[in-house]
Amino acid sequence: MSRSSVQFEKKRLVGILSVLTFGLTALAAVLSLEFLVPVIFVFGFFLVVPLVALLGDSLPIVESEGDDSRVETVKSSGDDPVEQLRERYARGDLTDEEFERRLERLLETEDTDVGDSRERVFDRE
């Protein structure tokens, strides 16, 4: 079975479904569809949202905990961000282009001289 190309974090999907349920309930109330208001409310908040919250990891549109390569963990507040970037690149988490782009962005925001920082990053072995 092929995986869905669109995947959400479980918390984000629960939030999206909650807002969608509330919006559809309000829309039905505004359009004077009184018979749909309780149906949408109960179906959304008492069936769909709890099912996604409980069974979300097994749904194809919910990404599993190990799939999230976008989340960056900071080991401690004293770690050098350039060193963390180098470690992620060495582990293979980043492509060459992504490493260079992020390094440039980091160096633009640093107060130190750009030339010295580049030498410091690439000369360590």
PDB file of N, CA and C in Angstrom:
ATOM      1  N   MET A   1       0.846  -1.179   0.000  1.00  0.00           N
ATOM      2  CA  MET A   1       0.000   0.000   0.000  1.00  0.00           C
ATOM      3  C   MET A   1       0.883   1.230   0.000  1.00  0.00           C
ATOM      4  N   SER A   2       0.631   2.159  -0.899  1.00  0.00           N
ATOM      5  CA  SER A   2       1.467   3.353  -0.990  1.00  0.00           C
ATOM      6  C   SER A   2       1.077   4.371   0.067  1.00  0.00           C
ATOM      7  N   ARG A   3       2.098   5.101   0.536  1.00  0.00           N
ATOM      8  CA  ARG A   3       1.857   6.113   1.555  1.00  0.00           C
ATOM      9  C   ARG A   3       1.350   7.388   0.898  1.00  0.00           C
ATOM     10  N   SER A   4       0.531   8.116   1.613  1.00  0.00           N
ATOM     11  CA  SER A   4      -0.002   9.378   1.122  1.00  0.00           C
ATOM     12  C   SER A   4       1.115  10.407   1.052  1.00  0.00           C
ATOM     13  N   SER A   5       1.100  11.254   0.026  1.00  0.00           N
ATOM     14  CA  SER A   5       2.150  12.253  -0.100  1.00  0.00           C
ATOM     15  C   SER A   5       1.936  13.426   0.854  1.00  0.00           C
ATOM     16  N   VAL A   6       0.722  13.623   1.322  1.00  0.00           N
ATOM     17  CA  VAL A   6       0.431  14.687   2.277  1.00  0.00           C
ATOM     18  C   VAL A   6       0.296  14.059   3.648  1.00  0.00           C
ATOM     19  N   GLN A   7       1.156  14.486   4.568  1.00  0.00           N
ATOM     20  CA  GLN A   7       1.102  13.952   5.922  1.00  0.00           C
ATOM     21  C   GLN A   7       1.124  15.094   6.918  1.00  0.00           C
ATOM     22  N   PHE A   8       0.431  14.919   8.016  1.00  0.00           N
ATOM     23  CA  PHE A   8       0.324  15.932   9.053  1.00  0.00           C
ATOM     24  C   PHE A   8       0.820  15.363  10.370  1.00  0.00           C
ATOM     25  N   GLU A   9       1.268  16.245  11.248  1.00  0.00           N
ATOM     26  CA  GLU A   9       1.515  15.829  12.622  1.00  0.00           C
ATOM     27  C   GLU A   9       0.149  15.546  13.243  1.00  0.00           C
ATOM     28  N   LYS A  10       0.106  14.634  14.189  1.00  0.00           N
ATOM     29  CA  LYS A  10      -1.174  14.261  14.786  1.00  0.00           C
ATOM     30  C   LYS A  10      -1.841  15.455  15.457  1.00  0.00           C
ATOM     31  N   LYS A  11      -1.092  16.239  16.218  1.00  0.00           N
ATOM     32  CA  LYS A  11      -1.672  17.397  16.895  1.00  0.00           C
ATOM     33  C   LYS A  11      -2.209  18.415  15.896  1.00  0.00           C
ATOM     34  N   ARG A  12      -1.478  18.620  14.811  1.00  0.00           N
ATOM     35  CA  ARG A  12      -1.918  19.575  13.798  1.00  0.00           C
ATOM     36  C   ARG A  12      -3.192  19.096  13.114  1.00  0.00           C
ATOM     37  N   LEU A  13      -3.269  17.809  12.829  1.00  0.00           N
ATOM     38  CA  LEU A  13      -4.468  17.271  12.182  1.00  0.00           C
ATOM     39  C   LEU A  13      -5.679  17.368  13.099  1.00  0.00           C
ATOM     40  N   VAL A  14      -5.503  17.092  14.383  1.00  0.00           N
ATOM     41  CA  VAL A  14      -6.602  17.234  15.336  1.00  0.00           C
ATOM     42  C   VAL A  14      -7.063  18.687  15.382  1.00  0.00           C
ATOM     43  N   GLY A  15      -6.127  19.623  15.368  1.00  0.00           N
ATOM     44  CA  GLY A  15      -6.481  21.043  15.357  1.00  0.00           C
ATOM     45  C   GLY A  15      -7.235  21.439  14.104  1.00  0.00           C
ATOM     46  N   ILE A  16      -6.765  20.959  12.968  1.00  0.00           N
ATOM     47  CA  ILE A  16      -7.431  21.264  11.695  1.00  0.00           C
ATOM     48  C   ILE A  16      -8.854  20.717  11.689  1.00  0.00           C
ATOM     49  N   LEU A  17      -9.019  19.482  12.146  1.00  0.00           N
ATOM     50  CA  LEU A  17     -10.351  18.884  12.181  1.00  0.00           C
ATOM     51  C   LEU A  17     -11.271  19.602  13.159  1.00  0.00           C
ATOM     52  N   SER A  18     -10.734  20.060  14.278  1.00  0.00           N
ATOM     53  CA  SER A  18     -11.545  20.804  15.246  1.00  0.00           C
ATOM     54  C   SER A  18     -12.034  22.119  14.653  1.00  0.00           C
ATOM     55  N   VAL A  19     -11.127  22.847  14.010  1.00  0.00           N
ATOM     56  CA  VAL A  19     -11.511  24.125  13.395  1.00  0.00           C
ATOM     57  C   VAL A  19     -12.500  23.891  12.260  1.00  0.00           C
ATOM     58  N   LEU A  20     -12.271  22.861  11.470  1.00  0.00           N
ATOM     59  CA  LEU A  20     -13.183  22.538  10.373  1.00  0.00           C
ATOM     60  C   LEU A  20     -14.567  22.158  10.897  1.00  0.00           C
ATOM     61  N   THR A  21     -14.614  21.373  11.951  1.00  0.00           N
ATOM     62  CA  THR A  21     -15.899  20.995  12.547  1.00  0.00           C
ATOM     63  C   THR A  21     -16.630  22.217  13.069  1.00  0.00           C
ATOM     64  N   PHE A  22     -15.918  23.081  13.775  1.00  0.00           N
ATOM     65  CA  PHE A  22     -16.543  24.291  14.299  1.00  0.00           C
ATOM     66  C   PHE A  22     -17.043  25.180  13.161  1.00  0.00           C
ATOM     67  N   GLY A  23     -16.227  25.324  12.114  1.00  0.00           N
ATOM     68  CA  GLY A  23     -16.625  26.149  10.981  1.00  0.00           C
ATOM     69  C   GLY A  23     -17.841  25.610  10.256  1.00  0.00           C
ATOM     70  N   LEU A  24     -17.874  24.311  10.038  1.00  0.00           N
ATOM     71  CA  LEU A  24     -19.038  23.713   9.363  1.00  0.00           C
ATOM     72  C   LEU A  24     -20.293  23.795  10.226  1.00  0.00           C
ATOM     73  N   THR A  25     -20.121  23.650  11.539  1.00  0.00           N
ATOM     74  CA  THR A  25     -21.273  23.789  12.442  1.00  0.00           C
ATOM     75  C   THR A  25     -21.822  25.212  12.395  1.00  0.00           C
ATOM     76  N   ALA A  26     -20.923  26.184  12.427  1.00  0.00           N
ATOM     77  CA  ALA A  26     -21.350  27.586  12.365  1.00  0.00           C
ATOM     78  C   ALA A  26     -21.995  27.899  11.014  1.00  0.00           C
ATOM     79  N   LEU A  27     -21.440  27.370   9.938  1.00  0.00           N
ATOM     80  CA  LEU A  27     -21.995  27.600   8.603  1.00  0.00           C
ATOM     81  C   LEU A  27     -23.410  27.013   8.499  1.00  0.00           C
ATOM     82  N   ALA A  28     -23.596  25.816   9.036  1.00  0.00           N
ATOM     83  CA  ALA A  28     -24.932  25.208   9.001  1.00  0.00           C
ATOM     84  C   ALA A  28     -25.919  26.033   9.816  1.00  0.00           C
ATOM     85  N   ALA A  29     -25.460  26.585  10.930  1.00  0.00           N
ATOM     86  CA  ALA A  29     -26.347  27.420  11.752  1.00  0.00           C
ATOM     87  C   ALA A  29     -26.706  28.710  11.030  1.00  0.00           C
ATOM     88  N   VAL A  30     -25.747  29.320  10.346  1.00  0.00           N
ATOM     89  CA  VAL A  30     -25.993  30.578   9.624  1.00  0.00           C
ATOM     90  C   VAL A  30     -26.927  30.347   8.441  1.00  0.00           C
ATOM     91  N   LEU A  31     -26.778  29.205   7.792  1.00  0.00           N
ATOM     92  CA  LEU A  31     -27.622  28.896   6.627  1.00  0.00           C
ATOM     93  C   LEU A  31     -28.976  28.328   7.022  1.00  0.00           C
ATOM     94  N   SER A  32     -29.292  28.358   8.303  1.00  0.00           N
ATOM     95  CA  SER A  32     -30.574  27.871   8.829  1.00  0.00           C
ATOM     96  C   SER A  32     -30.813  26.399   8.522  1.00  0.00           C
ATOM     97  N   LEU A  33     -29.769  25.616   8.618  1.00  0.00           N
ATOM     98  CA  LEU A  33     -29.873  24.168   8.457  1.00  0.00           C
ATOM     99  C   LEU A  33     -29.798  23.536   9.849  1.00  0.00           C
ATOM    100  N   GLU A  34     -30.833  23.815  10.663  1.00  0.00           N
ATOM    101  CA  GLU A  34     -30.821  23.422  12.069  1.00  0.00           C
ATOM    102  C   GLU A  34     -30.654  21.918  12.274  1.00  0.00           C
ATOM    103  N   PHE A  35     -31.149  21.122  11.351  1.00  0.00           N
ATOM    104  CA  PHE A  35     -31.042  19.682  11.503  1.00  0.00           C
ATOM    105  C   PHE A  35     -29.595  19.201  11.330  1.00  0.00           C
ATOM    106  N   LEU A  36     -28.746  19.961  10.620  1.00  0.00           N
ATOM    107  CA  LEU A  36     -27.353  19.561  10.414  1.00  0.00           C
ATOM    108  C   LEU A  36     -26.416  20.005  11.536  1.00  0.00           C
ATOM    109  N   VAL A  37     -26.794  21.036  12.279  1.00  0.00           N
ATOM    110  CA  VAL A  37     -25.912  21.574  13.314  1.00  0.00           C
ATOM    111  C   VAL A  37     -25.526  20.496  14.327  1.00  0.00           C
ATOM    112  N   PRO A  38     -26.479  19.803  14.958  1.00  0.00           N
ATOM    113  CA  PRO A  38     -26.055  18.779  15.930  1.00  0.00           C
ATOM    114  C   PRO A  38     -25.356  17.584  15.283  1.00  0.00           C
ATOM    115  N   VAL A  39     -25.732  17.265  14.046  1.00  0.00           N
ATOM    116  CA  VAL A  39     -25.098  16.134  13.363  1.00  0.00           C
ATOM    117  C   VAL A  39     -23.624  16.424  13.119  1.00  0.00           C
ATOM    118  N   ILE A  40     -23.321  17.601  12.569  1.00  0.00           N
ATOM    119  CA  ILE A  40     -21.935  17.971  12.297  1.00  0.00           C
ATOM    120  C   ILE A  40     -21.147  18.084  13.601  1.00  0.00           C
ATOM    121  N   PHE A  41     -21.749  18.704  14.608  1.00  0.00           N
ATOM    122  CA  PHE A  41     -21.067  18.899  15.883  1.00  0.00           C
ATOM    123  C   PHE A  41     -20.714  17.561  16.534  1.00  0.00           C
ATOM    124  N   VAL A  42     -21.696  16.683  16.637  1.00  0.00           N
ATOM    125  CA  VAL A  42     -21.471  15.387  17.285  1.00  0.00           C
ATOM    126  C   VAL A  42     -20.515  14.531  16.462  1.00  0.00           C
ATOM    127  N   PHE A  43     -20.714  14.477  15.160  1.00  0.00           N
ATOM    128  CA  PHE A  43     -19.847  13.670  14.301  1.00  0.00           C
ATOM    129  C   PHE A  43     -18.406  14.162  14.369  1.00  0.00           C
ATOM    130  N   GLY A  44     -18.218  15.477  14.323  1.00  0.00           N
ATOM    131  CA  GLY A  44     -16.864  16.029  14.331  1.00  0.00           C
ATOM    132  C   GLY A  44     -16.176  15.930  15.671  1.00  0.00           C
ATOM    133  N   PHE A  45     -16.808  16.495  16.713  1.00  0.00           N
ATOM    134  CA  PHE A  45     -16.150  16.591  18.010  1.00  0.00           C
ATOM    135  C   PHE A  45     -16.199  15.311  18.841  1.00  0.00           C
ATOM    136  N   PHE A  46     -17.207  14.487  18.634  1.00  0.00           N
ATOM    137  CA  PHE A  46     -17.327  13.289  19.457  1.00  0.00           C
ATOM    138  C   PHE A  46     -16.959  12.001  18.725  1.00  0.00           C
ATOM    139  N   LEU A  47     -16.688  12.087  17.426  1.00  0.00           N
ATOM    140  CA  LEU A  47     -16.323  10.882  16.697  1.00  0.00           C
ATOM    141  C   LEU A  47     -14.985  11.043  15.968  1.00  0.00           C
ATOM    142  N   VAL A  48     -14.904  12.004  15.054  1.00  0.00           N
ATOM    143  CA  VAL A  48     -13.722  12.134  14.209  1.00  0.00           C
ATOM    144  C   VAL A  48     -12.496  12.597  15.002  1.00  0.00           C
ATOM    145  N   VAL A  49     -12.622  13.683  15.757  1.00  0.00           N
ATOM    146  CA  VAL A  49     -11.469  14.223  16.489  1.00  0.00           C
ATOM    147  C   VAL A  49     -10.927  13.215  17.500  1.00  0.00           C
ATOM    148  N   PRO A  50     -11.755  12.564  18.323  1.00  0.00           N
ATOM    149  CA  PRO A  50     -11.195  11.565  19.243  1.00  0.00           C
ATOM    150  C   PRO A  50     -10.568  10.360  18.538  1.00  0.00           C
ATOM    151  N   LEU A  51     -11.163   9.934  17.426  1.00  0.00           N
ATOM    152  CA  LEU A  51     -10.571   8.811  16.692  1.00  0.00           C
ATOM    153  C   LEU A  51      -9.201   9.163  16.134  1.00  0.00           C
ATOM    154  N   VAL A  52      -9.054  10.360  15.596  1.00  0.00           N
ATOM    155  CA  VAL A  52      -7.747  10.777  15.086  1.00  0.00           C
ATOM    156  C   VAL A  52      -6.755  10.924  16.241  1.00  0.00           C
ATOM    157  N   ALA A  53      -7.218  11.440  17.375  1.00  0.00           N
ATOM    158  CA  ALA A  53      -6.328  11.596  18.524  1.00  0.00           C
ATOM    159  C   ALA A  53      -5.869  10.234  19.057  1.00  0.00           C
ATOM    160  N   LEU A  54      -6.746   9.255  19.052  1.00  0.00           N
ATOM    161  CA  LEU A  54      -6.395   7.939  19.586  1.00  0.00           C
ATOM    162  C   LEU A  54      -5.689   7.046  18.573  1.00  0.00           C
ATOM    163  N   LEU A  55      -6.169   7.036  17.344  1.00  0.00           N
ATOM    164  CA  LEU A  55      -5.649   6.119  16.329  1.00  0.00           C
ATOM    165  C   LEU A  55      -4.819   6.816  15.260  1.00  0.00           C
ATOM    166  N   GLY A  56      -4.434   8.045  15.498  1.00  0.00           N
ATOM    167  CA  GLY A  56      -3.777   8.841  14.473  1.00  0.00           C
ATOM    168  C   GLY A  56      -2.515   8.254  13.900  1.00  0.00           C
ATOM    169  N   ASP A  57      -1.705   7.570  14.709  1.00  0.00           N
ATOM    170  CA  ASP A  57      -0.440   7.031  14.212  1.00  0.00           C
ATOM    171  C   ASP A  57      -0.625   5.951  13.154  1.00  0.00           C
ATOM    172  N   SER A  58      -1.766   5.290  13.164  1.00  0.00           N
ATOM    173  CA  SER A  58      -1.995   4.235  12.183  1.00  0.00           C
ATOM    174  C   SER A  58      -2.692   4.743  10.917  1.00  0.00           C
ATOM    175  N   LEU A  59      -3.086   6.004  10.889  1.00  0.00           N
ATOM    176  CA  LEU A  59      -3.717   6.569   9.697  1.00  0.00           C
ATOM    177  C   LEU A  59      -2.658   6.963   8.677  1.00  0.00           C
ATOM    178  N   PRO A  60      -2.935   6.791   7.383  1.00  0.00           N
ATOM    179  CA  PRO A  60      -1.914   7.082   6.373  1.00  0.00           C
ATOM    180  C   PRO A  60      -1.592   8.569   6.221  1.00  0.00           C
ATOM    181  N   ILE A  61      -2.482   9.469   6.639  1.00  0.00           N
ATOM    182  CA  ILE A  61      -2.185  10.892   6.475  1.00  0.00           C
ATOM    183  C   ILE A  61      -1.498  11.491   7.696  1.00  0.00           C
ATOM    184  N   VAL A  62      -1.228  10.669   8.704  1.00  0.00           N
ATOM    185  CA  VAL A  62      -0.543  11.138   9.909  1.00  0.00           C
ATOM    186  C   VAL A  62       0.869  10.592   9.893  1.00  0.00           C
ATOM    187  N   GLU A  63       1.845  11.494   9.998  1.00  0.00           N
ATOM    188  CA  GLU A  63       3.231  11.039   9.980  1.00  0.00           C
ATOM    189  C   GLU A  63       3.591  10.441  11.333  1.00  0.00           C
ATOM    190  N   SER A  64       4.408   9.403  11.278  1.00  0.00           N
ATOM    191  CA  SER A  64       4.812   8.769  12.530  1.00  0.00           C
ATOM    192  C   SER A  64       5.911   9.588  13.181  1.00  0.00           C
ATOM    193  N   GLU A  65       6.189   9.304  14.436  1.00  0.00           N
ATOM    194  CA  GLU A  65       7.154  10.083  15.216  1.00  0.00           C
ATOM    195  C   GLU A  65       8.527  10.072  14.568  1.00  0.00           C
ATOM    196  N   GLY A  66       8.952   8.969  13.989  1.00  0.00           N
ATOM    197  CA  GLY A  66      10.288   8.864  13.412  1.00  0.00           C
ATOM    198  C   GLY A  66      10.428   9.521  12.052  1.00  0.00           C
ATOM    199  N   ASP A  67       9.334   9.876  11.383  1.00  0.00           N
ATOM    200  CA  ASP A  67       9.393  10.456  10.054  1.00  0.00           C
ATOM    201  C   ASP A  67       9.726  11.938  10.047  1.00  0.00           C
ATOM    202  N   ASP A  68       9.660  12.588  11.173  1.00  0.00           N
ATOM    203  CA  ASP A  68       9.781  14.037  11.213  1.00  0.00           C
ATOM    204  C   ASP A  68      11.238  14.454  11.152  1.00  0.00           C
ATOM    205  N   SER A  69      11.751  14.698   9.957  1.00  0.00           N
ATOM    206  CA  SER A  69      13.140  15.130   9.804  1.00  0.00           C
ATOM    207  C   SER A  69      13.264  16.637   9.902  1.00  0.00           C
ATOM    208  N   ARG A  70      12.118  17.356   9.956  1.00  0.00           N
ATOM    209  CA  ARG A  70      12.169  18.808  10.025  1.00  0.00           C
ATOM    210  C   ARG A  70      12.419  19.316  11.433  1.00  0.00           C
ATOM    211  N   VAL A  71      12.117  18.496  12.434  1.00  0.00           N
ATOM    212  CA  VAL A  71      12.268  18.951  13.804  1.00  0.00           C
ATOM    213  C   VAL A  71      13.741  18.949  14.177  1.00  0.00           C
ATOM    214  N   GLU A  72      14.211  20.085  14.610  1.00  0.00           N
ATOM    215  CA  GLU A  72      15.590  20.212  15.023  1.00  0.00           C
ATOM    216  C   GLU A  72      15.643  20.253  16.538  1.00  0.00           C
ATOM    217  N   THR A  73      16.442  19.375  17.116  1.00  0.00           N
ATOM    218  CA  THR A  73      16.561  19.366  18.562  1.00  0.00           C
ATOM    219  C   THR A  73      17.820  20.105  18.956  1.00  0.00           C
ATOM    220  N   VAL A  74      17.704  20.915  19.981  1.00  0.00           N
ATOM    221  CA  VAL A  74      18.842  21.649  20.495  1.00  0.00           C
ATOM    222  C   VAL A  74      19.304  20.943  21.756  1.00  0.00           C
ATOM    223  N   LYS A  75      20.570  20.531  21.779  1.00  0.00           N
ATOM    224  CA  LYS A  75      21.073  19.761  22.905  1.00  0.00           C
ATOM    225  C   LYS A  75      21.130  20.596  24.163  1.00  0.00           C
ATOM    226  N   SER A  76      21.689  21.758  24.071  1.00  0.00           N
ATOM    227  CA  SER A  76      21.692  22.681  25.201  1.00  0.00           C
ATOM    228  C   SER A  76      21.835  24.084  24.655  1.00  0.00           C
ATOM    229  N   SER A  77      21.527  25.058  25.486  1.00  0.00           N
ATOM    230  CA  SER A  77      21.543  26.429  25.013  1.00  0.00           C
ATOM    231  C   SER A  77      22.963  26.915  24.723  1.00  0.00           C
ATOM    232  N   GLY A  78      23.975  26.227  25.228  1.00  0.00           N
ATOM    233  CA  GLY A  78      25.353  26.658  25.029  1.00  0.00           C
ATOM    234  C   GLY A  78      25.982  26.102  23.763  1.00  0.00           C
ATOM    235  N   ASP A  79      25.331  25.187  23.056  1.00  0.00           N
ATOM    236  CA  ASP A  79      25.912  24.594  21.856  1.00  0.00           C
ATOM    237  C   ASP A  79      26.002  25.611  20.730  1.00  0.00           C
ATOM    238  N   ASP A  80      27.047  25.467  19.942  1.00  0.00           N
ATOM    239  CA  ASP A  80      27.266  26.333  18.791  1.00  0.00           C
ATOM    240  C   ASP A  80      26.334  25.898  17.660  1.00  0.00           C
ATOM    241  N   PRO A  81      25.507  26.798  17.114  1.00  0.00           N
ATOM    242  CA  PRO A  81      24.573  26.403  16.053  1.00  0.00           C
ATOM    243  C   PRO A  81      25.288  25.925  14.793  1.00  0.00           C
ATOM    244  N   VAL A  82      26.463  26.473  14.509  1.00  0.00           N
ATOM    245  CA  VAL A  82      27.210  26.031  13.334  1.00  0.00           C
ATOM    246  C   VAL A  82      27.689  24.599  13.544  1.00  0.00           C
ATOM    247  N   GLU A  83      28.103  24.281  14.762  1.00  0.00           N
ATOM    248  CA  GLU A  83      28.535  22.916  15.070  1.00  0.00           C
ATOM    249  C   GLU A  83      27.374  21.935  14.944  1.00  0.00           C
ATOM    250  N   GLN A  84      26.195  22.333  15.407  1.00  0.00           N
ATOM    251  CA  GLN A  84      25.006  21.480  15.270  1.00  0.00           C
ATOM    252  C   GLN A  84      24.691  21.246  13.797  1.00  0.00           C
ATOM    253  N   LEU A  85      24.823  22.293  12.995  1.00  0.00           N
ATOM    254  CA  LEU A  85      24.572  22.170  11.561  1.00  0.00           C
ATOM    255  C   LEU A  85      25.568  21.210  10.920  1.00  0.00           C
ATOM    256  N   ARG A  86      26.828  21.299  11.316  1.00  0.00           N
ATOM    257  CA  ARG A  86      27.859  20.391  10.796  1.00  0.00           C
ATOM    258  C   ARG A  86      27.552  18.944  11.173  1.00  0.00           C
ATOM    259  N   GLU A  87      27.095  18.744  12.416  1.00  0.00           N
ATOM    260  CA  GLU A  87      26.778  17.385  12.861  1.00  0.00           C
ATOM    261  C   GLU A  87      25.612  16.811  12.067  1.00  0.00           C
ATOM    262  N   ARG A  88      24.592  17.619  11.815  1.00  0.00           N
ATOM    263  CA  ARG A  88      23.440  17.145  11.030  1.00  0.00           C
ATOM    264  C   ARG A  88      23.860  16.823   9.600  1.00  0.00           C
ATOM    265  N   TYR A  89      24.751  17.626   9.042  1.00  0.00           N
ATOM    266  CA  TYR A  89      25.258  17.377   7.689  1.00  0.00           C
ATOM    267  C   TYR A  89      26.075  16.085   7.666  1.00  0.00           C
ATOM    268  N   ALA A  90      26.891  15.877   8.695  1.00  0.00           N
ATOM    269  CA  ALA A  90      27.719  14.671   8.767  1.00  0.00           C
ATOM    270  C   ALA A  90      26.857  13.419   8.919  1.00  0.00           C
ATOM    271  N   ARG A  91      25.738  13.514   9.626  1.00  0.00           N
ATOM    272  CA  ARG A  91      24.833  12.372   9.784  1.00  0.00           C
ATOM    273  C   ARG A  91      24.043  12.086   8.512  1.00  0.00           C
ATOM    274  N   GLY A  92      24.026  13.039   7.589  1.00  0.00           N
ATOM    275  CA  GLY A  92      23.262  12.843   6.356  1.00  0.00           C
ATOM    276  C   GLY A  92      21.853  13.380   6.425  1.00  0.00           C
ATOM    277  N   ASP A  93      21.542  14.157   7.467  1.00  0.00           N
ATOM    278  CA  ASP A  93      20.203  14.733   7.599  1.00  0.00           C
ATOM    279  C   ASP A  93      19.970  15.865   6.603  1.00  0.00           C
ATOM    280  N   LEU A  94      21.052  16.486   6.122  1.00  0.00           N
ATOM    281  CA  LEU A  94      20.941  17.636   5.219  1.00  0.00           C
ATOM    282  C   LEU A  94      21.651  17.339   3.908  1.00  0.00           C
ATOM    283  N   THR A  95      21.106  17.837   2.807  1.00  0.00           N
ATOM    284  CA  THR A  95      21.790  17.749   1.522  1.00  0.00           C
ATOM    285  C   THR A  95      22.850  18.833   1.450  1.00  0.00           C
ATOM    286  N   ASP A  96      23.712  18.764   0.431  1.00  0.00           N
ATOM    287  CA  ASP A  96      24.755  19.774   0.271  1.00  0.00           C
ATOM    288  C   ASP A  96      24.153  21.167   0.132  1.00  0.00           C
ATOM    289  N   GLU A  97      23.126  21.274  -0.702  1.00  0.00           N
ATOM    290  CA  GLU A  97      22.511  22.573  -0.945  1.00  0.00           C
ATOM    291  C   GLU A  97      21.840  23.116   0.314  1.00  0.00           C
ATOM    292  N   GLU A  98      21.148  22.242   1.037  1.00  0.00           N
ATOM    293  CA  GLU A  98      20.466  22.680   2.251  1.00  0.00           C
ATOM    294  C   GLU A  98      21.465  23.094   3.320  1.00  0.00           C
ATOM    295  N   PHE A  99      22.579  22.347   3.418  1.00  0.00           N
ATOM    296  CA  PHE A  99      23.624  22.707   4.376  1.00  0.00           C
ATOM    297  C   PHE A  99      24.197  24.085   4.056  1.00  0.00           C
ATOM    298  N   GLU A 100      24.514  24.308   2.783  1.00  0.00           N
ATOM    299  CA  GLU A 100      25.085  25.600   2.393  1.00  0.00           C
ATOM    300  C   GLU A 100      24.096  26.740   2.618  1.00  0.00           C
ATOM    301  N   ARG A 101      22.836  26.514   2.300  1.00  0.00           N
ATOM    302  CA  ARG A 101      21.822  27.557   2.485  1.00  0.00           C
ATOM    303  C   ARG A 101      21.658  27.901   3.956  1.00  0.00           C
ATOM    304  N   ARG A 102      21.570  26.880   4.803  1.00  0.00           N
ATOM    305  CA  ARG A 102      21.415  27.137   6.236  1.00  0.00           C
ATOM    306  C   ARG A 102      22.666  27.762   6.838  1.00  0.00           C
ATOM    307  N   LEU A 103      23.830  27.339   6.355  1.00  0.00           N
ATOM    308  CA  LEU A 103      25.071  27.926   6.854  1.00  0.00           C
ATOM    309  C   LEU A 103      25.151  29.406   6.496  1.00  0.00           C
ATOM    310  N   GLU A 104      24.778  29.738   5.264  1.00  0.00           N
ATOM    311  CA  GLU A 104      24.778  31.147   4.864  1.00  0.00           C
ATOM    312  C   GLU A 104      23.817  31.957   5.732  1.00  0.00           C
ATOM    313  N   ARG A 105      22.643  31.412   5.989  1.00  0.00           N
ATOM    314  CA  ARG A 105      21.668  32.114   6.821  1.00  0.00           C
ATOM    315  C   ARG A 105      22.197  32.295   8.245  1.00  0.00           C
ATOM    316  N   LEU A 106      22.842  31.260   8.779  1.00  0.00           N
ATOM    317  CA  LEU A 106      23.420  31.377  10.120  1.00  0.00           C
ATOM    318  C   LEU A 106      24.516  32.435  10.161  1.00  0.00           C
ATOM    319  N   LEU A 107      25.356  32.427   9.155  1.00  0.00           N
ATOM    320  CA  LEU A 107      26.473  33.370   9.136  1.00  0.00           C
ATOM    321  C   LEU A 107      25.996  34.799   8.944  1.00  0.00           C
ATOM    322  N   GLU A 108      24.880  34.985   8.235  1.00  0.00           N
ATOM    323  CA  GLU A 108      24.325  36.329   8.069  1.00  0.00           C
ATOM    324  C   GLU A 108      23.811  36.888   9.385  1.00  0.00           C
ATOM    325  N   THR A 109      23.319  36.014  10.252  1.00  0.00           N
ATOM    326  CA  THR A 109      22.742  36.478  11.513  1.00  0.00           C
ATOM    327  C   THR A 109      23.763  36.584  12.632  1.00  0.00           C
ATOM    328  N   GLU A 110      24.941  35.998  12.445  1.00  0.00           N
ATOM    329  CA  GLU A 110      25.968  36.075  13.476  1.00  0.00           C
ATOM    330  C   GLU A 110      26.619  37.447  13.486  1.00  0.00           C
ATOM    331  N   ASP A 111      27.139  37.827  14.630  1.00  0.00           N
ATOM    332  CA  ASP A 111      27.841  39.102  14.766  1.00  0.00           C
ATOM    333  C   ASP A 111      29.310  38.991  14.416  1.00  0.00           C
ATOM    334  N   THR A 112      29.831  37.769  14.275  1.00  0.00           N
ATOM    335  CA  THR A 112      31.248  37.588  13.992  1.00  0.00           C
ATOM    336  C   THR A 112      31.528  37.801  12.521  1.00  0.00           C
ATOM    337  N   ASP A 113      32.791  37.880  12.180  1.00  0.00           N
ATOM    338  CA  ASP A 113      33.207  38.066  10.799  1.00  0.00           C
ATOM    339  C   ASP A 113      32.881  36.819   9.993  1.00  0.00           C
ATOM    340  N   VAL A 114      32.316  36.982   8.811  1.00  0.00           N
ATOM    341  CA  VAL A 114      31.883  35.861   7.991  1.00  0.00           C
ATOM    342  C   VAL A 114      33.062  35.022   7.538  1.00  0.00           C
ATOM    343  N   GLY A 115      34.146  35.635   7.167  1.00  0.00           N
ATOM    344  CA  GLY A 115      35.314  34.898   6.696  1.00  0.00           C
ATOM    345  C   GLY A 115      35.888  34.005   7.768  1.00  0.00           C
ATOM    346  N   ASP A 116      36.013  34.501   8.991  1.00  0.00           N
ATOM    347  CA  ASP A 116      36.538  33.695  10.085  1.00  0.00           C
ATOM    348  C   ASP A 116      35.622  32.524  10.390  1.00  0.00           C
ATOM    349  N   SER A 117      34.320  32.730  10.333  1.00  0.00           N
ATOM    350  CA  SER A 117      33.366  31.664  10.639  1.00  0.00           C
ATOM    351  C   SER A 117      33.448  30.562   9.596  1.00  0.00           C
ATOM    352  N   ARG A 118      33.601  30.935   8.327  1.00  0.00           N
ATOM    353  CA  ARG A 118      33.709  29.919   7.287  1.00  0.00           C
ATOM    354  C   ARG A 118      34.957  29.082   7.476  1.00  0.00           C
ATOM    355  N   GLU A 119      36.071  29.738   7.766  1.00  0.00           N
ATOM    356  CA  GLU A 119      37.296  28.989   7.977  1.00  0.00           C
ATOM    357  C   GLU A 119      37.147  28.064   9.181  1.00  0.00           C
ATOM    358  N   ARG A 120      36.510  28.534  10.221  1.00  0.00           N
ATOM    359  CA  ARG A 120      36.311  27.737  11.424  1.00  0.00           C
ATOM    360  C   ARG A 120      35.453  26.515  11.120  1.00  0.00           C
ATOM    361  N   VAL A 121      34.464  26.653  10.266  1.00  0.00           N
ATOM    362  CA  VAL A 121      33.559  25.540   9.969  1.00  0.00           C
ATOM    363  C   VAL A 121      34.234  24.505   9.081  1.00  0.00           C
ATOM    364  N   PHE A 122      34.913  24.935   8.031  1.00  0.00           N
ATOM    365  CA  PHE A 122      35.415  23.998   7.049  1.00  0.00           C
ATOM    366  C   PHE A 122      36.822  23.485   7.338  1.00  0.00           C
ATOM    367  N   ASP A 123      37.568  24.148   8.209  1.00  0.00           N
ATOM    368  CA  ASP A 123      38.932  23.713   8.492  1.00  0.00           C
ATOM    369  C   ASP A 123      39.021  22.683   9.596  1.00  0.00           C
ATOM    370  N   ARG A 124      37.978  22.509  10.399  1.00  0.00           N
ATOM    371  CA  ARG A 124      38.004  21.486  11.459  1.00  0.00           C
ATOM    372  C   ARG A 124      37.910  20.111  10.833  1.00  0.00           C
ATOM    373  N   GLU A 125      38.692  19.216  11.303  1.00  0.00           N
ATOM    374  CA  GLU A 125      38.647  17.841  10.785  1.00  0.00           C
ATOM    375  C   GLU A 125      38.568  16.884  11.917  1.00  0.00           C
TER     376      GLU A 125
END
